[in-house]
Amino acid sequence: STESFDRGQKFSDYQTLDRLEEYVLISSQLRRIEIFRRHTDGLWIYQNYDDRETFQLKSIGYTGTFTSLYEDV
């Protein structure tokens, strides 16, 4: 699994990209979606969704559910 790298060094590197608005981690084992969004002041806001919730990827205008995310997998 790349989870620790994705949460650590990779996210740290991506935070330096000025145009990055959202950083999304999807866990199929825990059925959880975690979204880090860059706020206008530059701080990152964390949101956590489970498989019963609708989530939104604002940067690409997508709204969906965990089920729709894995529909054809």
PDB file of N, CA and C in Angstrom:
ATOM      1  N   SER A   1       0.835  -1.187   0.000  1.00  0.00           N
ATOM      2  CA  SER A   1       0.000   0.000   0.000  1.00  0.00           C
ATOM      3  C   SER A   1       0.879   1.250   0.000  1.00  0.00           C
ATOM      4  N   THR A   2       0.404   2.271  -0.667  1.00  0.00           N
ATOM      5  CA  THR A   2       1.137   3.540  -0.718  1.00  0.00           C
ATOM      6  C   THR A   2       0.540   4.572   0.229  1.00  0.00           C
ATOM      7  N   GLU A   3      -0.333   4.133   1.122  1.00  0.00           N
ATOM      8  CA  GLU A   3      -1.075   5.072   1.962  1.00  0.00           C
ATOM      9  C   GLU A   3      -0.182   6.021   2.754  1.00  0.00           C
ATOM     10  N   SER A   4       0.836   5.516   3.413  1.00  0.00           N
ATOM     11  CA  SER A   4       1.671   6.404   4.232  1.00  0.00           C
ATOM     12  C   SER A   4       2.424   7.414   3.361  1.00  0.00           C
ATOM     13  N   PHE A   5       2.881   6.990   2.187  1.00  0.00           N
ATOM     14  CA  PHE A   5       3.541   7.920   1.268  1.00  0.00           C
ATOM     15  C   PHE A   5       2.552   8.959   0.755  1.00  0.00           C
ATOM     16  N   ASP A   6       1.323   8.520   0.397  1.00  0.00           N
ATOM     17  CA  ASP A   6       0.298   9.437  -0.107  1.00  0.00           C
ATOM     18  C   ASP A   6      -0.067  10.495   0.928  1.00  0.00           C
ATOM     19  N   ARG A   7      -0.100  10.107   2.195  1.00  0.00           N
ATOM     20  CA  ARG A   7      -0.452  11.034   3.273  1.00  0.00           C
ATOM     21  C   ARG A   7       0.724  11.911   3.705  1.00  0.00           C
ATOM     22  N   GLY A   8       1.917  11.466   3.425  1.00  0.00           N
ATOM     23  CA  GLY A   8       3.109  12.170   3.903  1.00  0.00           C
ATOM     24  C   GLY A   8       3.800  12.977   2.828  1.00  0.00           C
ATOM     25  N   GLN A   9       4.867  12.397   2.287  1.00  0.00           N
ATOM     26  CA  GLN A   9       5.723  13.126   1.359  1.00  0.00           C
ATOM     27  C   GLN A   9       4.995  13.564   0.092  1.00  0.00           C
ATOM     28  N   LYS A  10       4.155  12.697  -0.458  1.00  0.00           N
ATOM     29  CA  LYS A  10       3.455  13.053  -1.696  1.00  0.00           C
ATOM     30  C   LYS A  10       2.555  14.270  -1.475  1.00  0.00           C
ATOM     31  N   PHE A  11       1.759  14.249  -0.401  1.00  0.00           N
ATOM     32  CA  PHE A  11       0.873  15.379  -0.118  1.00  0.00           C
ATOM     33  C   PHE A  11       1.688  16.638   0.162  1.00  0.00           C
ATOM     34  N   SER A  12       2.768  16.496   0.876  1.00  0.00           N
ATOM     35  CA  SER A  12       3.643  17.635   1.157  1.00  0.00           C
ATOM     36  C   SER A  12       4.173  18.243  -0.143  1.00  0.00           C
ATOM     37  N   ASP A  13       4.588  17.406  -1.061  1.00  0.00           N
ATOM     38  CA  ASP A  13       5.071  17.881  -2.363  1.00  0.00           C
ATOM     39  C   ASP A  13       3.950  18.559  -3.146  1.00  0.00           C
ATOM     40  N   TYR A  14       2.775  17.958  -3.168  1.00  0.00           N
ATOM     41  CA  TYR A  14       1.648  18.510  -3.914  1.00  0.00           C
ATOM     42  C   TYR A  14       1.183  19.851  -3.356  1.00  0.00           C
ATOM     43  N   GLN A  15       1.345  20.066  -2.057  1.00  0.00           N
ATOM     44  CA  GLN A  15       0.927  21.336  -1.457  1.00  0.00           C
ATOM     45  C   GLN A  15       1.702  22.520  -2.020  1.00  0.00           C
ATOM     46  N   THR A  16       2.855  22.274  -2.604  1.00  0.00           N
ATOM     47  CA  THR A  16       3.649  23.357  -3.185  1.00  0.00           C
ATOM     48  C   THR A  16       3.132  23.774  -4.563  1.00  0.00           C
ATOM     49  N   LEU A  17       2.213  23.013  -5.136  1.00  0.00           N
ATOM     50  CA  LEU A  17       1.639  23.348  -6.441  1.00  0.00           C
ATOM     51  C   LEU A  17       0.547  24.393  -6.244  1.00  0.00           C
ATOM     52  N   ASP A  18       0.789  25.604  -6.721  1.00  0.00           N
ATOM     53  CA  ASP A  18      -0.153  26.703  -6.507  1.00  0.00           C
ATOM     54  C   ASP A  18      -1.546  26.434  -7.058  1.00  0.00           C
ATOM     55  N   ARG A  19      -1.646  25.691  -8.136  1.00  0.00           N
ATOM     56  CA  ARG A  19      -2.939  25.479  -8.789  1.00  0.00           C
ATOM     57  C   ARG A  19      -3.719  24.294  -8.239  1.00  0.00           C
ATOM     58  N   LEU A  20      -3.103  23.502  -7.371  1.00  0.00           N
ATOM     59  CA  LEU A  20      -3.806  22.351  -6.800  1.00  0.00           C
ATOM     60  C   LEU A  20      -4.871  22.835  -5.821  1.00  0.00           C
ATOM     61  N   GLU A  21      -6.123  22.464  -6.076  1.00  0.00           N
ATOM     62  CA  GLU A  21      -7.243  22.887  -5.237  1.00  0.00           C
ATOM     63  C   GLU A  21      -7.693  21.798  -4.276  1.00  0.00           C
ATOM     64  N   GLU A  22      -7.598  20.537  -4.702  1.00  0.00           N
ATOM     65  CA  GLU A  22      -8.068  19.423  -3.883  1.00  0.00           C
ATOM     66  C   GLU A  22      -7.088  18.265  -3.976  1.00  0.00           C
ATOM     67  N   TYR A  23      -6.984  17.541  -2.876  1.00  0.00           N
ATOM     68  CA  TYR A  23      -6.174  16.327  -2.815  1.00  0.00           C
ATOM     69  C   TYR A  23      -7.084  15.256  -2.235  1.00  0.00           C
ATOM     70  N   VAL A  24      -7.299  14.183  -2.989  1.00  0.00           N
ATOM     71  CA  VAL A  24      -8.304  13.177  -2.629  1.00  0.00           C
ATOM     72  C   VAL A  24      -7.635  11.838  -2.350  1.00  0.00           C
ATOM     73  N   LEU A  25      -7.998  11.241  -1.219  1.00  0.00           N
ATOM     74  CA  LEU A  25      -7.549   9.896  -0.864  1.00  0.00           C
ATOM     75  C   LEU A  25      -8.779   9.009  -0.772  1.00  0.00           C
ATOM     76  N   ILE A  26      -8.754   7.889  -1.482  1.00  0.00           N
ATOM     77  CA  ILE A  26      -9.890   6.966  -1.499  1.00  0.00           C
ATOM     78  C   ILE A  26      -9.434   5.631  -0.932  1.00  0.00           C
ATOM     79  N   SER A  27     -10.125   5.182   0.096  1.00  0.00           N
ATOM     80  CA  SER A  27      -9.810   3.892   0.707  1.00  0.00           C
ATOM     81  C   SER A  27     -10.928   2.908   0.391  1.00  0.00           C
ATOM     82  N   SER A  28     -10.615   1.913  -0.411  1.00  0.00           N
ATOM     83  CA  SER A  28     -11.621   0.899  -0.731  1.00  0.00           C
ATOM     84  C   SER A  28     -11.802  -0.069   0.429  1.00  0.00           C
ATOM     85  N   GLN A  29     -10.768  -0.254   1.235  1.00  0.00           N
ATOM     86  CA  GLN A  29     -10.864  -1.180   2.367  1.00  0.00           C
ATOM     87  C   GLN A  29     -11.734  -0.623   3.483  1.00  0.00           C
ATOM     88  N   LEU A  30     -11.593   0.668   3.755  1.00  0.00           N
ATOM     89  CA  LEU A  30     -12.389   1.296   4.813  1.00  0.00           C
ATOM     90  C   LEU A  30     -13.650   1.956   4.272  1.00  0.00           C
ATOM     91  N   ARG A  31     -13.805   1.948   2.950  1.00  0.00           N
ATOM     92  CA  ARG A  31     -14.928   2.601   2.278  1.00  0.00           C
ATOM     93  C   ARG A  31     -15.063   4.036   2.774  1.00  0.00           C
ATOM     94  N   ARG A  32     -13.980   4.783   2.545  1.00  0.00           N
ATOM     95  CA  ARG A  32     -13.899   6.162   3.009  1.00  0.00           C
ATOM     96  C   ARG A  32     -13.213   7.008   1.942  1.00  0.00           C
ATOM     97  N   ILE A  33     -13.688   8.229   1.816  1.00  0.00           N
ATOM     98  CA  ILE A  33     -13.077   9.201   0.924  1.00  0.00           C
ATOM     99  C   ILE A  33     -12.660  10.391   1.782  1.00  0.00           C
ATOM    100  N   GLU A  34     -11.403  10.779   1.653  1.00  0.00           N
ATOM    101  CA  GLU A  34     -10.892  11.930   2.383  1.00  0.00           C
ATOM    102  C   GLU A  34     -10.481  12.988   1.370  1.00  0.00           C
ATOM    103  N   ILE A  35     -10.946  14.206   1.597  1.00  0.00           N
ATOM    104  CA  ILE A  35     -10.644  15.294   0.673  1.00  0.00           C
ATOM    105  C   ILE A  35     -10.006  16.440   1.452  1.00  0.00           C
ATOM    106  N   PHE A  36      -8.860  16.870   0.964  1.00  0.00           N
ATOM    107  CA  PHE A  36      -8.192  18.053   1.496  1.00  0.00           C
ATOM    108  C   PHE A  36      -8.402  19.160   0.465  1.00  0.00           C
ATOM    109  N   ARG A  37      -8.987  20.282   0.895  1.00  0.00           N
ATOM    110  CA  ARG A  37      -9.251  21.402  -0.012  1.00  0.00           C
ATOM    111  C   ARG A  37      -8.457  22.625   0.433  1.00  0.00           C
ATOM    112  N   ARG A  38      -7.864  23.287  -0.553  1.00  0.00           N
ATOM    113  CA  ARG A  38      -7.121  24.510  -0.244  1.00  0.00           C
ATOM    114  C   ARG A  38      -8.120  25.656  -0.072  1.00  0.00           C
ATOM    115  N   HIS A  39      -8.103  26.276   1.081  1.00  0.00           N
ATOM    116  CA  HIS A  39      -8.951  27.425   1.378  1.00  0.00           C
ATOM    117  C   HIS A  39      -8.317  28.667   0.751  1.00  0.00           C
ATOM    118  N   THR A  40      -9.090  29.725   0.602  1.00  0.00           N
ATOM    119  CA  THR A  40      -8.582  30.943  -0.028  1.00  0.00           C
ATOM    120  C   THR A  40      -7.381  31.542   0.696  1.00  0.00           C
ATOM    121  N   ASP A  41      -7.250  31.279   1.993  1.00  0.00           N
ATOM    122  CA  ASP A  41      -6.098  31.802   2.738  1.00  0.00           C
ATOM    123  C   ASP A  41      -4.876  30.880   2.655  1.00  0.00           C
ATOM    124  N   GLY A  42      -4.986  29.796   1.868  1.00  0.00           N
ATOM    125  CA  GLY A  42      -3.867  28.877   1.677  1.00  0.00           C
ATOM    126  C   GLY A  42      -3.847  27.689   2.615  1.00  0.00           C
ATOM    127  N   LEU A  43      -4.700  27.700   3.636  1.00  0.00           N
ATOM    128  CA  LEU A  43      -4.772  26.563   4.554  1.00  0.00           C
ATOM    129  C   LEU A  43      -5.557  25.423   3.912  1.00  0.00           C
ATOM    130  N   TRP A  44      -5.243  24.197   4.312  1.00  0.00           N
ATOM    131  CA  TRP A  44      -5.927  23.022   3.785  1.00  0.00           C
ATOM    132  C   TRP A  44      -7.015  22.586   4.760  1.00  0.00           C
ATOM    133  N   ILE A  45      -8.229  22.419   4.241  1.00  0.00           N
ATOM    134  CA  ILE A  45      -9.382  21.992   5.033  1.00  0.00           C
ATOM    135  C   ILE A  45      -9.632  20.514   4.739  1.00  0.00           C
ATOM    136  N   TYR A  46      -9.828  19.726   5.790  1.00  0.00           N
ATOM    137  CA  TYR A  46     -10.022  18.279   5.679  1.00  0.00           C
ATOM    138  C   TYR A  46     -11.507  17.938   5.781  1.00  0.00           C
ATOM    139  N   GLN A  47     -11.982  17.077   4.869  1.00  0.00           N
ATOM    140  CA  GLN A  47     -13.340  16.539   4.938  1.00  0.00           C
ATOM    141  C   GLN A  47     -13.274  15.038   4.731  1.00  0.00           C
ATOM    142  N   ASN A  48     -14.082  14.322   5.494  1.00  0.00           N
ATOM    143  CA  ASN A  48     -14.095  12.868   5.495  1.00  0.00           C
ATOM    144  C   ASN A  48     -15.510  12.394   5.161  1.00  0.00           C
ATOM    145  N   TYR A  49     -15.635  11.476   4.212  1.00  0.00           N
ATOM    146  CA  TYR A  49     -16.939  10.949   3.811  1.00  0.00           C
ATOM    147  C   TYR A  49     -16.912   9.431   3.921  1.00  0.00           C
ATOM    148  N   ASP A  50     -18.004   8.855   4.390  1.00  0.00           N
ATOM    149  CA  ASP A  50     -18.084   7.392   4.392  1.00  0.00           C
ATOM    150  C   ASP A  50     -18.979   6.946   3.243  1.00  0.00           C
ATOM    151  N   ASP A  51     -19.197   5.645   3.132  1.00  0.00           N
ATOM    152  CA  ASP A  51     -19.902   5.101   1.962  1.00  0.00           C
ATOM    153  C   ASP A  51     -21.396   5.410   1.937  1.00  0.00           C
ATOM    154  N   ARG A  52     -21.919   6.060   2.954  1.00  0.00           N
ATOM    155  CA  ARG A  52     -23.341   6.427   2.960  1.00  0.00           C
ATOM    156  C   ARG A  52     -23.569   7.865   2.512  1.00  0.00           C
ATOM    157  N   GLU A  53     -22.506   8.600   2.274  1.00  0.00           N
ATOM    158  CA  GLU A  53     -22.621  10.024   2.004  1.00  0.00           C
ATOM    159  C   GLU A  53     -22.318  10.372   0.550  1.00  0.00           C
ATOM    160  N   THR A  54     -22.895  11.473   0.114  1.00  0.00           N
ATOM    161  CA  THR A  54     -22.557  12.062  -1.169  1.00  0.00           C
ATOM    162  C   THR A  54     -21.355  12.977  -0.950  1.00  0.00           C
ATOM    163  N   PHE A  55     -20.419  12.956  -1.880  1.00  0.00           N
ATOM    164  CA  PHE A  55     -19.247  13.823  -1.771  1.00  0.00           C
ATOM    165  C   PHE A  55     -19.143  14.678  -3.019  1.00  0.00           C
ATOM    166  N   GLN A  56     -18.394  15.746  -2.910  1.00  0.00           N
ATOM    167  CA  GLN A  56     -18.260  16.680  -4.017  1.00  0.00           C
ATOM    168  C   GLN A  56     -16.789  16.988  -4.262  1.00  0.00           C
ATOM    169  N   LEU A  57     -16.401  16.882  -5.526  1.00  0.00           N
ATOM    170  CA  LEU A  57     -15.071  17.318  -5.949  1.00  0.00           C
ATOM    171  C   LEU A  57     -15.277  18.652  -6.660  1.00  0.00           C
ATOM    172  N   LYS A  58     -15.138  19.724  -5.925  1.00  0.00           N
ATOM    173  CA  LYS A  58     -15.463  21.057  -6.430  1.00  0.00           C
ATOM    174  C   LYS A  58     -14.574  21.473  -7.591  1.00  0.00           C
ATOM    175  N   SER A  59     -13.329  21.044  -7.577  1.00  0.00           N
ATOM    176  CA  SER A  59     -12.378  21.471  -8.606  1.00  0.00           C
ATOM    177  C   SER A  59     -12.747  20.974 -10.001  1.00  0.00           C
ATOM    178  N   ILE A  60     -13.497  19.879 -10.076  1.00  0.00           N
ATOM    179  CA  ILE A  60     -13.895  19.347 -11.388  1.00  0.00           C
ATOM    180  C   ILE A  60     -15.410  19.288 -11.552  1.00  0.00           C
ATOM    181  N   GLY A  61     -16.147  19.837 -10.592  1.00  0.00           N
ATOM    182  CA  GLY A  61     -17.602  19.885 -10.691  1.00  0.00           C
ATOM    183  C   GLY A  61     -18.266  18.522 -10.637  1.00  0.00           C
ATOM    184  N   TYR A  62     -17.751  17.634  -9.803  1.00  0.00           N
ATOM    185  CA  TYR A  62     -18.289  16.271  -9.705  1.00  0.00           C
ATOM    186  C   TYR A  62     -18.949  16.059  -8.350  1.00  0.00           C
ATOM    187  N   THR A  63     -20.152  15.502  -8.368  1.00  0.00           N
ATOM    188  CA  THR A  63     -20.838  15.081  -7.152  1.00  0.00           C
ATOM    189  C   THR A  63     -21.198  13.620  -7.331  1.00  0.00           C
ATOM    190  N   GLY A  64     -20.913  12.802  -6.325  1.00  0.00           N
ATOM    191  CA  GLY A  64     -21.196  11.383  -6.460  1.00  0.00           C
ATOM    192  C   GLY A  64     -21.267  10.678  -5.127  1.00  0.00           C
ATOM    193  N   THR A  65     -21.427   9.387  -5.223  1.00  0.00           N
ATOM    194  CA  THR A  65     -21.465   8.527  -4.045  1.00  0.00           C
ATOM    195  C   THR A  65     -20.336   7.515  -4.170  1.00  0.00           C
ATOM    196  N   PHE A  66     -20.036   6.856  -3.087  1.00  0.00           N
ATOM    197  CA  PHE A  66     -19.007   5.824  -3.105  1.00  0.00           C
ATOM    198  C   PHE A  66     -19.408   4.720  -4.085  1.00  0.00           C
ATOM    199  N   THR A  67     -20.690   4.384  -4.113  1.00  0.00           N
ATOM    200  CA  THR A  67     -21.194   3.354  -5.028  1.00  0.00           C
ATOM    201  C   THR A  67     -20.965   3.754  -6.479  1.00  0.00           C
ATOM    202  N   SER A  68     -21.259   5.005  -6.832  1.00  0.00           N
ATOM    203  CA  SER A  68     -21.066   5.451  -8.216  1.00  0.00           C
ATOM    204  C   SER A  68     -19.587   5.474  -8.593  1.00  0.00           C
ATOM    205  N   LEU A  69     -18.738   5.743  -7.626  1.00  0.00           N
ATOM    206  CA  LEU A  69     -17.301   5.772  -7.870  1.00  0.00           C
ATOM    207  C   LEU A  69     -16.785   4.395  -8.287  1.00  0.00           C
ATOM    208  N   TYR A  70     -17.358   3.348  -7.710  1.00  0.00           N
ATOM    209  CA  TYR A  70     -16.927   1.974  -7.975  1.00  0.00           C
ATOM    210  C   TYR A  70     -17.902   1.203  -8.865  1.00  0.00           C
ATOM    211  N   GLU A  71     -18.776   1.897  -9.555  1.00  0.00           N
ATOM    212  CA  GLU A  71     -19.849   1.264 -10.319  1.00  0.00           C
ATOM    213  C   GLU A  71     -19.372   0.189 -11.292  1.00  0.00           C
ATOM    214  N   ASP A  72     -18.355   0.451 -12.067  1.00  0.00           N
ATOM    215  CA  ASP A  72     -17.902  -0.508 -13.080  1.00  0.00           C
ATOM    216  C   ASP A  72     -16.576  -1.177 -12.725  1.00  0.00           C
ATOM    217  N   VAL A  73     -16.232  -1.184 -11.463  1.00  0.00           N
ATOM    218  CA  VAL A  73     -14.957  -1.776 -11.039  1.00  0.00           C
ATOM    219  C   VAL A  73     -15.167  -3.206 -10.622  1.00  0.00           C
TER     220      VAL A  73
END
